[in-house]
Structures are given as structure tokens and as C-alpha cells.
PDB file of all heavy atoms in Angstrom:
ATOM      1  N   GLU A   1      17.967   6.307   3.179  1.00  0.00           N
ATOM      2  CA  GLU A   1      18.195   5.748   1.847  1.00  0.00           C
ATOM      3  C   GLU A   1      19.295   4.696   1.922  1.00  0.00           C
ATOM      4  O   GLU A   1      19.190   3.618   1.339  1.00  0.00           O
ATOM      5  CB  GLU A   1      18.606   6.868   0.872  1.00  0.00           C
ATOM      6  CG  GLU A   1      17.519   7.897   0.597  1.00  0.00           C
ATOM      7  CD  GLU A   1      18.036   8.989  -0.307  1.00  0.00           C
ATOM      8  OE1 GLU A   1      18.974   8.726  -1.096  1.00  0.00           O
ATOM      9  OE2 GLU A   1      17.525  10.117  -0.251  1.00  0.00           O
ATOM     10  N   GLN A   2      20.387   5.011   2.649  1.00  0.00           N
ATOM     11  CA  GLN A   2      21.511   4.084   2.757  1.00  0.00           C
ATOM     12  C   GLN A   2      21.093   2.811   3.496  1.00  0.00           C
ATOM     13  O   GLN A   2      21.456   1.699   3.104  1.00  0.00           O
ATOM     14  CB  GLN A   2      22.666   4.751   3.495  1.00  0.00           C
ATOM     15  CG  GLN A   2      23.930   3.881   3.562  1.00  0.00           C
ATOM     16  CD  GLN A   2      25.075   4.615   4.234  1.00  0.00           C
ATOM     17  OE1 GLN A   2      24.916   5.743   4.683  1.00  0.00           O
ATOM     18  NE2 GLN A   2      26.203   3.980   4.285  1.00  0.00           N
ATOM     19  N   ALA A   3      20.282   2.964   4.541  1.00  0.00           N
ATOM     20  CA  ALA A   3      19.844   1.810   5.325  1.00  0.00           C
ATOM     21  C   ALA A   3      19.008   0.873   4.468  1.00  0.00           C
ATOM     22  O   ALA A   3      19.164  -0.350   4.521  1.00  0.00           O
ATOM     23  CB  ALA A   3      19.038   2.280   6.537  1.00  0.00           C
ATOM     24  N   VAL A   4      18.126   1.444   3.658  1.00  0.00           N
ATOM     25  CA  VAL A   4      17.290   0.609   2.800  1.00  0.00           C
ATOM     26  C   VAL A   4      18.122  -0.068   1.728  1.00  0.00           C
ATOM     27  O   VAL A   4      17.963  -1.245   1.439  1.00  0.00           O
ATOM     28  CB  VAL A   4      16.166   1.469   2.154  1.00  0.00           C
ATOM     29  CG1 VAL A   4      15.410   0.647   1.115  1.00  0.00           C
ATOM     30  CG2 VAL A   4      15.218   1.972   3.225  1.00  0.00           C
ATOM     31  N   SER A   5      19.064   0.701   1.119  1.00  0.00           N
ATOM     32  CA  SER A   5      19.864   0.149   0.032  1.00  0.00           C
ATOM     33  C   SER A   5      20.766  -0.980   0.510  1.00  0.00           C
ATOM     34  O   SER A   5      21.132  -1.870  -0.262  1.00  0.00           O
ATOM     35  CB  SER A   5      20.694   1.259  -0.620  1.00  0.00           C
ATOM     36  OG  SER A   5      21.635   1.779   0.308  1.00  0.00           O
ATOM     37  N   GLU A   6      21.163  -0.945   1.820  1.00  0.00           N
ATOM     38  CA  GLU A   6      22.056  -1.961   2.342  1.00  0.00           C
ATOM     39  C   GLU A   6      21.310  -3.126   3.004  1.00  0.00           C
ATOM     40  O   GLU A   6      21.920  -4.043   3.532  1.00  0.00           O
ATOM     41  CB  GLU A   6      23.007  -1.319   3.362  1.00  0.00           C
ATOM     42  CG  GLU A   6      23.981  -0.324   2.738  1.00  0.00           C
ATOM     43  CD  GLU A   6      24.886   0.304   3.773  1.00  0.00           C
ATOM     44  OE1 GLU A   6      24.647   0.066   4.981  1.00  0.00           O
ATOM     45  OE2 GLU A   6      25.819   1.029   3.387  1.00  0.00           O
ATOM     46  N   ALA A   7      19.980  -3.080   2.984  1.00  0.00           N
ATOM     47  CA  ALA A   7      19.191  -4.138   3.607  1.00  0.00           C
ATOM     48  C   ALA A   7      19.394  -5.455   2.870  1.00  0.00           C
ATOM     49  O   ALA A   7      19.619  -5.489   1.664  1.00  0.00           O
ATOM     50  CB  ALA A   7      17.714  -3.751   3.601  1.00  0.00           C
ATOM     51  N   SER A   8      19.316  -6.550   3.614  1.00  0.00           N
ATOM     52  CA  SER A   8      19.449  -7.865   3.004  1.00  0.00           C
ATOM     53  C   SER A   8      18.275  -8.127   2.081  1.00  0.00           C
ATOM     54  O   SER A   8      17.208  -7.527   2.248  1.00  0.00           O
ATOM     55  CB  SER A   8      19.500  -8.936   4.098  1.00  0.00           C
ATOM     56  OG  SER A   8      18.248  -9.009   4.752  1.00  0.00           O
ATOM     57  N   PRO A   9      18.468  -9.026   1.090  1.00  0.00           N
ATOM     58  CA  PRO A   9      17.367  -9.330   0.152  1.00  0.00           C
ATOM     59  C   PRO A   9      16.092  -9.768   0.859  1.00  0.00           C
ATOM     60  O   PRO A   9      14.995  -9.349   0.475  1.00  0.00           O
ATOM     61  CB  PRO A   9      17.957 -10.453  -0.699  1.00  0.00           C
ATOM     62  CG  PRO A   9      19.436 -10.213  -0.665  1.00  0.00           C
ATOM     63  CD  PRO A   9      19.710  -9.706   0.720  1.00  0.00           C
ATOM     64  N   ILE A  10      16.218 -10.605   1.880  1.00  0.00           N
ATOM     65  CA  ILE A  10      15.033 -11.088   2.592  1.00  0.00           C
ATOM     66  C   ILE A  10      14.337  -9.928   3.315  1.00  0.00           C
ATOM     67  O   ILE A  10      13.106  -9.796   3.272  1.00  0.00           O
ATOM     68  CB  ILE A  10      15.414 -12.185   3.605  1.00  0.00           C
ATOM     69  CG1 ILE A  10      15.922 -13.429   2.863  1.00  0.00           C
ATOM     70  CG2 ILE A  10      14.207 -12.543   4.477  1.00  0.00           C
ATOM     71  CD1 ILE A  10      16.367 -14.557   3.773  1.00  0.00           C
ATOM     72  N   LYS A  11      15.142  -9.073   3.956  1.00  0.00           N
ATOM     73  CA  LYS A  11      14.564  -7.935   4.662  1.00  0.00           C
ATOM     74  C   LYS A  11      13.877  -6.995   3.669  1.00  0.00           C
ATOM     75  O   LYS A  11      12.798  -6.463   3.959  1.00  0.00           O
ATOM     76  CB  LYS A  11      15.655  -7.178   5.430  1.00  0.00           C
ATOM     77  CG  LYS A  11      15.108  -6.022   6.260  1.00  0.00           C
ATOM     78  CD  LYS A  11      16.211  -5.358   7.077  1.00  0.00           C
ATOM     79  CE  LYS A  11      15.648  -4.201   7.902  1.00  0.00           C
ATOM     80  NZ  LYS A  11      16.711  -3.547   8.712  1.00  0.00           N
ATOM     81  N   MET A  12      14.494  -6.798   2.506  1.00  0.00           N
ATOM     82  CA  MET A  12      13.899  -5.931   1.501  1.00  0.00           C
ATOM     83  C   MET A  12      12.572  -6.488   1.008  1.00  0.00           C
ATOM     84  O   MET A  12      11.597  -5.746   0.809  1.00  0.00           O
ATOM     85  CB  MET A  12      14.868  -5.764   0.317  1.00  0.00           C
ATOM     86  CG  MET A  12      14.331  -4.870  -0.791  1.00  0.00           C
ATOM     87  SD  MET A  12      13.993  -3.187  -0.243  1.00  0.00           S
ATOM     88  CE  MET A  12      15.656  -2.543  -0.069  1.00  0.00           C
ATOM     89  N   ILE A  13      12.505  -7.803   0.824  1.00  0.00           N
ATOM     90  CA  ILE A  13      11.257  -8.437   0.397  1.00  0.00           C
ATOM     91  C   ILE A  13      10.167  -8.219   1.439  1.00  0.00           C
ATOM     92  O   ILE A  13       9.012  -7.911   1.108  1.00  0.00           O
ATOM     93  CB  ILE A  13      11.475  -9.944   0.142  1.00  0.00           C
ATOM     94  CG1 ILE A  13      12.315 -10.147  -1.114  1.00  0.00           C
ATOM     95  CG2 ILE A  13      10.129 -10.665  -0.007  1.00  0.00           C
ATOM     96  CD1 ILE A  13      12.695 -11.594  -1.364  1.00  0.00           C
ATOM     97  N   LEU A  14      10.541  -8.366   2.719  1.00  0.00           N
ATOM     98  CA  LEU A  14       9.576  -8.179   3.797  1.00  0.00           C
ATOM     99  C   LEU A  14       9.089  -6.732   3.858  1.00  0.00           C
ATOM    100  O   LEU A  14       7.890  -6.470   4.033  1.00  0.00           O
ATOM    101  CB  LEU A  14      10.198  -8.584   5.137  1.00  0.00           C
ATOM    102  CG  LEU A  14      10.482 -10.080   5.319  1.00  0.00           C
ATOM    103  CD1 LEU A  14      11.207 -10.321   6.646  1.00  0.00           C
ATOM    104  CD2 LEU A  14       9.189 -10.887   5.264  1.00  0.00           C
ATOM    105  N   VAL A  15      10.020  -5.796   3.690  1.00  0.00           N
ATOM    106  CA  VAL A  15       9.660  -4.376   3.713  1.00  0.00           C
ATOM    107  C   VAL A  15       8.732  -4.046   2.550  1.00  0.00           C
ATOM    108  O   VAL A  15       7.689  -3.383   2.723  1.00  0.00           O
ATOM    109  CB  VAL A  15      10.919  -3.491   3.660  1.00  0.00           C
ATOM    110  CG1 VAL A  15      10.529  -2.025   3.437  1.00  0.00           C
ATOM    111  CG2 VAL A  15      11.724  -3.628   4.938  1.00  0.00           C
ATOM    112  N   LYS A  16       9.087  -4.513   1.354  1.00  0.00           N
ATOM    113  CA  LYS A  16       8.250  -4.254   0.183  1.00  0.00           C
ATOM    114  C   LYS A  16       6.870  -4.877   0.342  1.00  0.00           C
ATOM    115  O   LYS A  16       5.845  -4.269  -0.013  1.00  0.00           O
ATOM    116  CB  LYS A  16       8.924  -4.801  -1.079  1.00  0.00           C
ATOM    117  CG  LYS A  16      10.120  -3.985  -1.562  1.00  0.00           C
ATOM    118  CD  LYS A  16      10.620  -4.500  -2.900  1.00  0.00           C
ATOM    119  CE  LYS A  16      11.701  -3.616  -3.486  1.00  0.00           C
ATOM    120  NZ  LYS A  16      12.121  -4.048  -4.836  1.00  0.00           N
ATOM    121  N   SER A  17       6.828  -6.097   0.879  1.00  0.00           N
ATOM    122  CA  SER A  17       5.550  -6.777   1.070  1.00  0.00           C
ATOM    123  C   SER A  17       4.660  -6.000   2.030  1.00  0.00           C
ATOM    124  O   SER A  17       3.448  -5.868   1.814  1.00  0.00           O
ATOM    125  CB  SER A  17       5.779  -8.193   1.608  1.00  0.00           C
ATOM    126  OG  SER A  17       6.539  -8.968   0.694  1.00  0.00           O
ATOM    127  N   LEU A  18       5.268  -5.476   3.111  1.00  0.00           N
ATOM    128  CA  LEU A  18       4.517  -4.695   4.090  1.00  0.00           C
ATOM    129  C   LEU A  18       3.963  -3.419   3.458  1.00  0.00           C
ATOM    130  O   LEU A  18       2.791  -3.067   3.680  1.00  0.00           O
ATOM    131  CB  LEU A  18       5.417  -4.339   5.276  1.00  0.00           C
ATOM    132  CG  LEU A  18       4.774  -3.469   6.371  1.00  0.00           C
ATOM    133  CD1 LEU A  18       3.572  -4.185   6.983  1.00  0.00           C
ATOM    134  CD2 LEU A  18       5.796  -3.120   7.447  1.00  0.00           C
ATOM    135  N   VAL A  19       4.785  -2.741   2.657  1.00  0.00           N
ATOM    136  CA  VAL A  19       4.329  -1.503   2.009  1.00  0.00           C
ATOM    137  C   VAL A  19       3.216  -1.806   1.008  1.00  0.00           C
ATOM    138  O   VAL A  19       2.246  -1.043   0.898  1.00  0.00           O
ATOM    139  CB  VAL A  19       5.504  -0.788   1.320  1.00  0.00           C
ATOM    140  CG1 VAL A  19       5.001   0.446   0.561  1.00  0.00           C
ATOM    141  CG2 VAL A  19       6.559  -0.380   2.326  1.00  0.00           C
ATOM    142  N   VAL A  20       3.340  -2.918   0.269  1.00  0.00           N
ATOM    143  CA  VAL A  20       2.280  -3.318  -0.658  1.00  0.00           C
ATOM    144  C   VAL A  20       0.972  -3.529   0.103  1.00  0.00           C
ATOM    145  O   VAL A  20      -0.096  -3.056  -0.316  1.00  0.00           O
ATOM    146  CB  VAL A  20       2.662  -4.608  -1.419  1.00  0.00           C
ATOM    147  CG1 VAL A  20       1.435  -5.196  -2.127  1.00  0.00           C
ATOM    148  CG2 VAL A  20       3.757  -4.322  -2.434  1.00  0.00           C
ATOM    149  N   PHE A  21       1.050  -4.223   1.242  1.00  0.00           N
ATOM    150  CA  PHE A  21      -0.151  -4.476   2.040  1.00  0.00           C
ATOM    151  C   PHE A  21      -0.758  -3.160   2.540  1.00  0.00           C
ATOM    152  O   PHE A  21      -1.978  -2.957   2.435  1.00  0.00           O
ATOM    153  CB  PHE A  21       0.196  -5.369   3.237  1.00  0.00           C
ATOM    154  CG  PHE A  21      -0.967  -5.595   4.168  1.00  0.00           C
ATOM    155  CD1 PHE A  21      -1.925  -6.553   3.890  1.00  0.00           C
ATOM    156  CD2 PHE A  21      -1.093  -4.829   5.332  1.00  0.00           C
ATOM    157  CE1 PHE A  21      -3.001  -6.748   4.752  1.00  0.00           C
ATOM    158  CE2 PHE A  21      -2.164  -5.020   6.189  1.00  0.00           C
ATOM    159  CZ  PHE A  21      -3.125  -5.986   5.892  1.00  0.00           C
ATOM    160  N   ILE A  22       0.080  -2.272   3.060  1.00  0.00           N
ATOM    161  CA  ILE A  22      -0.413  -0.985   3.567  1.00  0.00           C
ATOM    162  C   ILE A  22      -1.045  -0.178   2.431  1.00  0.00           C
ATOM    163  O   ILE A  22      -2.115   0.426   2.588  1.00  0.00           O
ATOM    164  CB  ILE A  22       0.726  -0.185   4.225  1.00  0.00           C
ATOM    165  CG1 ILE A  22       1.198  -0.894   5.496  1.00  0.00           C
ATOM    166  CG2 ILE A  22       0.280   1.238   4.549  1.00  0.00           C
ATOM    167  CD1 ILE A  22       2.429  -0.282   6.124  1.00  0.00           C
ATOM    168  N   GLY A  23      -0.378  -0.172   1.273  1.00  0.00           N
ATOM    169  CA  GLY A  23      -0.897   0.572   0.132  1.00  0.00           C
ATOM    170  C   GLY A  23      -2.241   0.048  -0.338  1.00  0.00           C
ATOM    171  O   GLY A  23      -3.167   0.823  -0.597  1.00  0.00           O
ATOM    172  N   LEU A  24      -2.366  -1.268  -0.435  1.00  0.00           N
ATOM    173  CA  LEU A  24      -3.626  -1.849  -0.891  1.00  0.00           C
ATOM    174  C   LEU A  24      -4.730  -1.683   0.146  1.00  0.00           C
ATOM    175  O   LEU A  24      -5.899  -1.489  -0.206  1.00  0.00           O
ATOM    176  CB  LEU A  24      -3.431  -3.332  -1.223  1.00  0.00           C
ATOM    177  CG  LEU A  24      -2.592  -3.611  -2.476  1.00  0.00           C
ATOM    178  CD1 LEU A  24      -2.483  -5.113  -2.727  1.00  0.00           C
ATOM    179  CD2 LEU A  24      -3.201  -2.922  -3.698  1.00  0.00           C
ATOM    180  N   LEU A  25      -4.368  -1.743   1.425  1.00  0.00           N
ATOM    181  CA  LEU A  25      -5.361  -1.509   2.473  1.00  0.00           C
ATOM    182  C   LEU A  25      -5.879  -0.072   2.395  1.00  0.00           C
ATOM    183  O   LEU A  25      -7.097   0.173   2.487  1.00  0.00           O
ATOM    184  CB  LEU A  25      -4.755  -1.774   3.853  1.00  0.00           C
ATOM    185  CG  LEU A  25      -5.687  -1.517   5.050  1.00  0.00           C
ATOM    186  CD1 LEU A  25      -6.941  -2.371   4.955  1.00  0.00           C
ATOM    187  CD2 LEU A  25      -4.951  -1.768   6.364  1.00  0.00           C
ATOM    188  N   ALA A  26      -4.958   0.880   2.207  1.00  0.00           N
ATOM    189  CA  ALA A  26      -5.360   2.279   2.073  1.00  0.00           C
ATOM    190  C   ALA A  26      -6.246   2.460   0.843  1.00  0.00           C
ATOM    191  O   ALA A  26      -7.274   3.156   0.897  1.00  0.00           O
ATOM    192  CB  ALA A  26      -4.122   3.173   1.969  1.00  0.00           C
ATOM    193  N   THR A  27      -5.872   1.823  -0.262  1.00  0.00           N
ATOM    194  CA  THR A  27      -6.673   1.912  -1.480  1.00  0.00           C
ATOM    195  C   THR A  27      -8.061   1.304  -1.261  1.00  0.00           C
ATOM    196  O   THR A  27      -9.064   1.836  -1.748  1.00  0.00           O
ATOM    197  CB  THR A  27      -5.968   1.182  -2.645  1.00  0.00           C
ATOM    198  OG1 THR A  27      -4.645   1.701  -2.785  1.00  0.00           O
ATOM    199  CG2 THR A  27      -6.713   1.399  -3.950  1.00  0.00           C
ATOM    200  N   GLY A  28      -8.114   0.200  -0.517  1.00  0.00           N
ATOM    201  CA  GLY A  28      -9.390  -0.423  -0.212  1.00  0.00           C
ATOM    202  C   GLY A  28     -10.272   0.474   0.639  1.00  0.00           C
ATOM    203  O   GLY A  28     -11.482   0.589   0.401  1.00  0.00           O
ATOM    204  N   ILE A  29      -9.670   1.141   1.638  1.00  0.00           N
ATOM    205  CA  ILE A  29     -10.430   2.061   2.490  1.00  0.00           C
ATOM    206  C   ILE A  29     -10.941   3.241   1.666  1.00  0.00           C
ATOM    207  O   ILE A  29     -12.110   3.643   1.784  1.00  0.00           O
ATOM    208  CB  ILE A  29      -9.550   2.561   3.655  1.00  0.00           C
ATOM    209  CG1 ILE A  29      -9.237   1.404   4.609  1.00  0.00           C
ATOM    210  CG2 ILE A  29     -10.234   3.707   4.402  1.00  0.00           C
ATOM    211  CD1 ILE A  29      -8.241   1.753   5.705  1.00  0.00           C
ATOM    212  N   GLY A  30     -10.065   3.801   0.819  1.00  0.00           N
ATOM    213  CA  GLY A  30     -10.483   4.920  -0.023  1.00  0.00           C
ATOM    214  C   GLY A  30     -11.599   4.532  -0.974  1.00  0.00           C
ATOM    215  O   GLY A  30     -12.557   5.299  -1.185  1.00  0.00           O
ATOM    216  N   THR A  31     -11.498   3.335  -1.552  1.00  0.00           N
ATOM    217  CA  THR A  31     -12.544   2.845  -2.452  1.00  0.00           C
ATOM    218  C   THR A  31     -13.853   2.671  -1.700  1.00  0.00           C
ATOM    219  O   THR A  31     -14.933   3.008  -2.214  1.00  0.00           O
ATOM    220  CB  THR A  31     -12.119   1.500  -3.070  1.00  0.00           C
ATOM    221  OG1 THR A  31     -10.898   1.682  -3.808  1.00  0.00           O
ATOM    222  CG2 THR A  31     -13.191   0.963  -4.011  1.00  0.00           C
ATOM    223  N   SER A  32     -13.778   2.158  -0.478  1.00  0.00           N
ATOM    224  CA  SER A  32     -14.980   1.984   0.350  1.00  0.00           C
ATOM    225  C   SER A  32     -15.644   3.329   0.639  1.00  0.00           C
ATOM    226  O   SER A  32     -16.874   3.449   0.587  1.00  0.00           O
ATOM    227  CB  SER A  32     -14.615   1.295   1.665  1.00  0.00           C
ATOM    228  OG  SER A  32     -14.072   0.017   1.441  1.00  0.00           O
ATOM    229  N   ILE A  33     -14.822   4.336   0.928  1.00  0.00           N
ATOM    230  CA  ILE A  33     -15.364   5.676   1.180  1.00  0.00           C
ATOM    231  C   ILE A  33     -16.104   6.182  -0.049  1.00  0.00           C
ATOM    232  O   ILE A  33     -17.224   6.709   0.047  1.00  0.00           O
ATOM    233  CB  ILE A  33     -14.235   6.653   1.568  1.00  0.00           C
ATOM    234  CG1 ILE A  33     -13.640   6.274   2.928  1.00  0.00           C
ATOM    235  CG2 ILE A  33     -14.755   8.089   1.607  1.00  0.00           C
ATOM    236  CD1 ILE A  33     -12.425   7.086   3.317  1.00  0.00           C
ATOM    237  N   MET A  34     -15.511   6.000  -1.231  1.00  0.00           N
ATOM    238  CA  MET A  34     -16.142   6.468  -2.459  1.00  0.00           C
ATOM    239  C   MET A  34     -17.448   5.733  -2.730  1.00  0.00           C
ATOM    240  O   MET A  34     -18.433   6.330  -3.173  1.00  0.00           O
ATOM    241  CB  MET A  34     -15.176   6.314  -3.635  1.00  0.00           C
ATOM    242  CG  MET A  34     -13.945   7.203  -3.552  1.00  0.00           C
ATOM    243  SD  MET A  34     -12.884   7.103  -5.009  1.00  0.00           S
ATOM    244  CE  MET A  34     -13.901   7.942  -6.224  1.00  0.00           C
ATOM    245  N   PHE A  35     -17.457   4.429  -2.484  1.00  0.00           N
ATOM    246  CA  PHE A  35     -18.690   3.663  -2.663  1.00  0.00           C
ATOM    247  C   PHE A  35     -19.783   4.166  -1.719  1.00  0.00           C
ATOM    248  O   PHE A  35     -20.946   4.324  -2.110  1.00  0.00           O
ATOM    249  CB  PHE A  35     -18.435   2.177  -2.402  1.00  0.00           C
ATOM    250  CG  PHE A  35     -17.772   1.458  -3.546  1.00  0.00           C
ATOM    251  CD1 PHE A  35     -16.950   0.364  -3.306  1.00  0.00           C
ATOM    252  CD2 PHE A  35     -17.955   1.862  -4.849  1.00  0.00           C
ATOM    253  CE1 PHE A  35     -16.339  -0.314  -4.346  1.00  0.00           C
ATOM    254  CE2 PHE A  35     -17.338   1.211  -5.910  1.00  0.00           C
ATOM    255  CZ  PHE A  35     -16.531   0.113  -5.658  1.00  0.00           C
ATOM    256  N   GLN A  36     -19.404   4.423  -0.455  1.00  0.00           N
ATOM    257  CA  GLN A  36     -20.372   4.861   0.542  1.00  0.00           C
ATOM    258  C   GLN A  36     -20.925   6.249   0.216  1.00  0.00           C
ATOM    259  O   GLN A  36     -22.114   6.520   0.411  1.00  0.00           O
ATOM    260  CB  GLN A  36     -19.733   4.870   1.936  1.00  0.00           C
ATOM    261  CG  GLN A  36     -19.389   3.503   2.493  1.00  0.00           C
ATOM    262  CD  GLN A  36     -20.613   2.667   2.795  1.00  0.00           C
ATOM    263  OE1 GLN A  36     -21.630   3.193   3.244  1.00  0.00           O
ATOM    264  NE2 GLN A  36     -20.532   1.374   2.534  1.00  0.00           N
ATOM    265  N   VAL A  37     -20.062   7.128  -0.290  1.00  0.00           N
ATOM    266  CA  VAL A  37     -20.482   8.483  -0.635  1.00  0.00           C
ATOM    267  C   VAL A  37     -21.465   8.462  -1.805  1.00  0.00           C
ATOM    268  O   VAL A  37     -22.420   9.244  -1.861  1.00  0.00           O
ATOM    269  CB  VAL A  37     -19.256   9.358  -0.968  1.00  0.00           C
ATOM    270  CG1 VAL A  37     -19.693  10.696  -1.569  1.00  0.00           C
ATOM    271  CG2 VAL A  37     -18.434   9.604   0.284  1.00  0.00           C
ATOM    272  N   GLY A  38     -21.234   7.556  -2.756  1.00  0.00           N
ATOM    273  CA  GLY A  38     -22.162   7.407  -3.878  1.00  0.00           C
ATOM    274  C   GLY A  38     -22.097   8.512  -4.912  1.00  0.00           C
ATOM    275  O   GLY A  38     -23.123   8.876  -5.513  1.00  0.00           O
ATOM    276  N   MET A  39     -20.896   9.054  -5.148  1.00  0.00           N
ATOM    277  CA  MET A  39     -20.755  10.116  -6.153  1.00  0.00           C
ATOM    278  C   MET A  39     -19.856   9.670  -7.302  1.00  0.00           C
ATOM    279  O   MET A  39     -19.240  10.486  -7.976  1.00  0.00           O
ATOM    280  CB  MET A  39     -20.199  11.385  -5.496  1.00  0.00           C
ATOM    281  CG  MET A  39     -21.074  11.959  -4.413  1.00  0.00           C
ATOM    282  SD  MET A  39     -20.401  13.480  -3.673  1.00  0.00           S
ATOM    283  CE  MET A  39     -20.631  14.634  -5.030  1.00  0.00           C
ATOM    284  N   GLY A  40     -19.810   8.372  -7.520  1.00  0.00           N
ATOM    285  CA  GLY A  40     -18.986   7.839  -8.600  1.00  0.00           C
ATOM    286  C   GLY A  40     -17.739   7.161  -8.062  1.00  0.00           C
ATOM    287  O   GLY A  40     -17.171   7.612  -7.063  1.00  0.00           O
ATOM    288  N   SER A  41     -17.325   6.090  -8.709  1.00  0.00           N
ATOM    289  CA  SER A  41     -16.145   5.348  -8.261  1.00  0.00           C
ATOM    290  C   SER A  41     -14.907   5.767  -9.047  1.00  0.00           C
ATOM    291  O   SER A  41     -15.001   6.519 -10.026  1.00  0.00           O
ATOM    292  CB  SER A  41     -16.371   3.844  -8.430  1.00  0.00           C
ATOM    293  OG  SER A  41     -16.611   3.522  -9.796  1.00  0.00           O
ATOM    294  N   ALA A  42     -13.758   5.272  -8.625  1.00  0.00           N
ATOM    295  CA  ALA A  42     -12.506   5.529  -9.347  1.00  0.00           C
ATOM    296  C   ALA A  42     -12.560   4.819 -10.705  1.00  0.00           C
ATOM    297  O   ALA A  42     -13.343   3.878 -10.888  1.00  0.00           O
ATOM    298  CB  ALA A  42     -11.329   5.041  -8.522  1.00  0.00           C
ATOM    299  N   PRO A  43     -11.741   5.245 -11.669  1.00  0.00           N
ATOM    300  CA  PRO A  43     -11.773   4.666 -13.016  1.00  0.00           C
ATOM    301  C   PRO A  43     -11.715   3.140 -13.086  1.00  0.00           C
ATOM    302  O   PRO A  43     -12.494   2.536 -13.844  1.00  0.00           O
ATOM    303  CB  PRO A  43     -10.572   5.315 -13.700  1.00  0.00           C
ATOM    304  CG  PRO A  43     -10.509   6.666 -13.063  1.00  0.00           C
ATOM    305  CD  PRO A  43     -10.844   6.423 -11.618  1.00  0.00           C
TER     306      PRO A  43
END
């Protein structure tokens, strides 16, 4: 927690951007699985 809180603004932006990308990629994979299964999509 301390390491993240003390990170420079640029480093924090890069970290947040990476997490956003990972999160959206995971969401995309999960959505693809649901589409392939064919039992209804997310809301």
C-alpha cells in the first residue's frame, strides 16, 4: 500500500493503465466464454 501511495504520478498512470487493460481483457475473455456457451449474455 505504501509503495503504491508513494509512486510518482507517471508511474501511477502506467500502473492504472495496465490494470485497466488487464481488467478489460479478462472481461472480454469472460464475455467470449458466455457467448460461446450460448446460455445468455451479461446484462
